[in-house]
Amino acid sequence: MLRYLFGVAATRALGADFPWGTLGVNIIGSFVMGALVTALALLGSSSQGLRAFLAVGVLGGFTTFSSFSLDFATLMERGQTSTAALYLVGSVGISLLAIFAGMAATRAVLA
């Protein structure tokens, strides 16, 4: 539900010509995933079940890789190759930067 609401808000704020909502939740989700796994590793107090629930269940429900794939395919089928390429690089590249930023931020706070 949060992913949907974020998408609606992003579309209202930034327009529907680019999948801003999907890009945003993937970046935010990657940052939170980095922070979560780092916090759980540093604190060493969580069970495997808790890790799976938070990482796979909660964040898996929030992030949207399948939606990303559909958005990319739609842009390609519309002939918007440059936009699709930008979306691909932004989604993967910025999300990877975000996961490392989340890890570093959590280490700075907890270590």
Protein backbone atom coordinates (compact mmCIF):
# COMPACT_ATOMS: atom_id res chain seq x y z
CA MET A 1 0.00 0.00 0.00
CA LEU A 2 2.86 2.36 0.83
CA ARG A 3 4.43 1.68 -2.56
CA TYR A 4 1.14 2.56 -4.28
CA LEU A 5 0.69 5.76 -2.28
CA PHE A 6 4.26 6.81 -3.00
CA GLY A 7 3.66 6.21 -6.71
CA VAL A 8 0.48 8.28 -6.72
CA ALA A 9 2.22 11.12 -4.88
CA ALA A 10 5.21 11.01 -7.24
CA THR A 11 2.98 11.07 -10.31
CA ARG A 12 1.02 14.04 -8.97
CA ALA A 13 4.18 15.92 -8.06
CA LEU A 14 6.40 15.06 -11.02
CA GLY A 15 4.10 13.93 -13.81
CA ALA A 16 3.40 10.63 -15.54
CA ASP A 17 6.01 10.82 -18.30
CA PHE A 18 8.61 8.95 -16.23
CA PRO A 19 8.11 6.20 -13.60
CA TRP A 20 9.28 8.38 -10.68
CA GLY A 21 7.36 6.38 -8.08
CA THR A 22 9.01 3.06 -8.97
CA LEU A 23 12.43 4.68 -9.15
CA GLY A 24 11.89 6.37 -5.78
CA VAL A 25 10.76 3.27 -3.91
CA ASN A 26 13.62 1.22 -5.34
CA ILE A 27 16.17 3.81 -4.18
CA ILE A 28 14.54 4.23 -0.76
CA GLY A 29 14.14 0.48 -0.39
CA SER A 30 17.78 -0.11 -1.27
CA PHE A 31 18.90 2.48 1.29
CA VAL A 32 16.71 0.95 3.99
CA MET A 33 17.89 -2.57 3.06
CA GLY A 34 21.50 -1.47 3.47
CA ALA A 35 20.75 0.14 6.80
CA LEU A 36 18.71 -2.85 8.00
CA VAL A 37 21.19 -5.59 7.17
CA THR A 38 24.05 -3.55 8.59
CA ALA A 39 22.17 -2.77 11.81
CA LEU A 40 21.19 -6.41 12.27
CA ALA A 41 24.77 -7.54 11.65
CA LEU A 42 26.28 -4.98 14.01
CA LEU A 43 23.72 -5.54 16.75
CA GLY A 44 23.83 -9.30 16.31
CA SER A 45 20.55 -9.73 18.12
CA SER A 46 18.12 -10.82 15.44
CA SER A 47 16.95 -14.23 14.42
CA GLN A 48 17.03 -15.49 10.85
CA GLY A 49 13.22 -15.34 10.88
CA LEU A 50 13.23 -11.66 11.83
CA ARG A 51 15.76 -10.88 9.13
CA ALA A 52 13.69 -12.69 6.52
CA PHE A 53 10.48 -10.99 7.66
CA LEU A 54 11.97 -7.50 7.49
CA ALA A 55 14.16 -7.90 4.39
CA VAL A 56 12.03 -10.20 2.25
CA GLY A 57 8.57 -9.52 3.65
CA VAL A 58 8.44 -5.83 4.48
CA LEU A 59 11.04 -4.44 2.08
CA GLY A 60 10.20 -7.01 -0.59
CA GLY A 61 6.63 -5.74 -0.49
CA PHE A 62 7.81 -2.14 -0.74
CA THR A 63 10.39 -2.35 -3.52
CA THR A 64 9.27 -2.99 -7.02
CA PHE A 65 11.71 -4.75 -9.28
CA SER A 66 8.95 -6.42 -11.24
CA SER A 67 7.29 -3.04 -11.70
CA PHE A 68 10.65 -1.65 -12.78
CA SER A 69 10.91 -4.34 -15.45
CA LEU A 70 7.43 -3.55 -16.73
CA ASP A 71 8.12 0.19 -16.77
CA PHE A 72 11.34 -0.40 -18.73
CA ALA A 73 9.58 -2.64 -21.25
CA THR A 74 6.78 -0.10 -21.66
CA LEU A 75 9.23 2.72 -22.34
CA MET A 76 11.05 0.54 -24.89
CA GLU A 77 7.82 -0.45 -26.62
CA ARG A 78 6.83 3.21 -26.87
CA GLY A 79 10.11 3.84 -28.66
CA GLN A 80 11.46 5.94 -25.79
CA THR A 81 14.87 4.26 -25.90
CA SER A 82 16.82 7.13 -24.34
CA THR A 83 14.34 7.47 -21.49
CA ALA A 84 14.40 3.69 -20.95
CA ALA A 85 18.20 3.71 -20.83
CA LEU A 86 18.20 6.60 -18.35
CA TYR A 87 15.65 4.76 -16.22
CA LEU A 88 17.73 1.57 -16.31
CA VAL A 89 20.95 3.31 -15.29
CA GLY A 90 19.19 5.42 -12.67
CA SER A 91 17.31 2.51 -11.13
CA VAL A 92 20.26 0.16 -10.89
CA GLY A 93 23.09 2.64 -10.39
CA ILE A 94 21.44 4.94 -7.86
CA SER A 95 19.90 2.02 -5.98
CA LEU A 96 23.34 0.46 -5.61
CA LEU A 97 24.73 3.76 -4.37
CA ALA A 98 21.79 4.00 -1.97
CA ILE A 99 22.42 0.57 -0.42
CA PHE A 100 26.04 1.50 0.30
CA ALA A 101 24.91 4.87 1.68
CA GLY A 102 22.48 3.10 4.00
CA MET A 103 25.22 0.75 5.19
CA ALA A 104 27.65 3.62 5.79
CA ALA A 105 25.08 5.76 7.58
CA THR A 106 24.16 2.90 9.90
CA ARG A 107 27.79 2.10 10.63
CA ALA A 108 28.39 5.76 11.47
CA VAL A 109 25.52 5.74 13.95
CA LEU A 110 25.99 2.29 15.51
CA ALA A 111 29.71 1.66 15.31
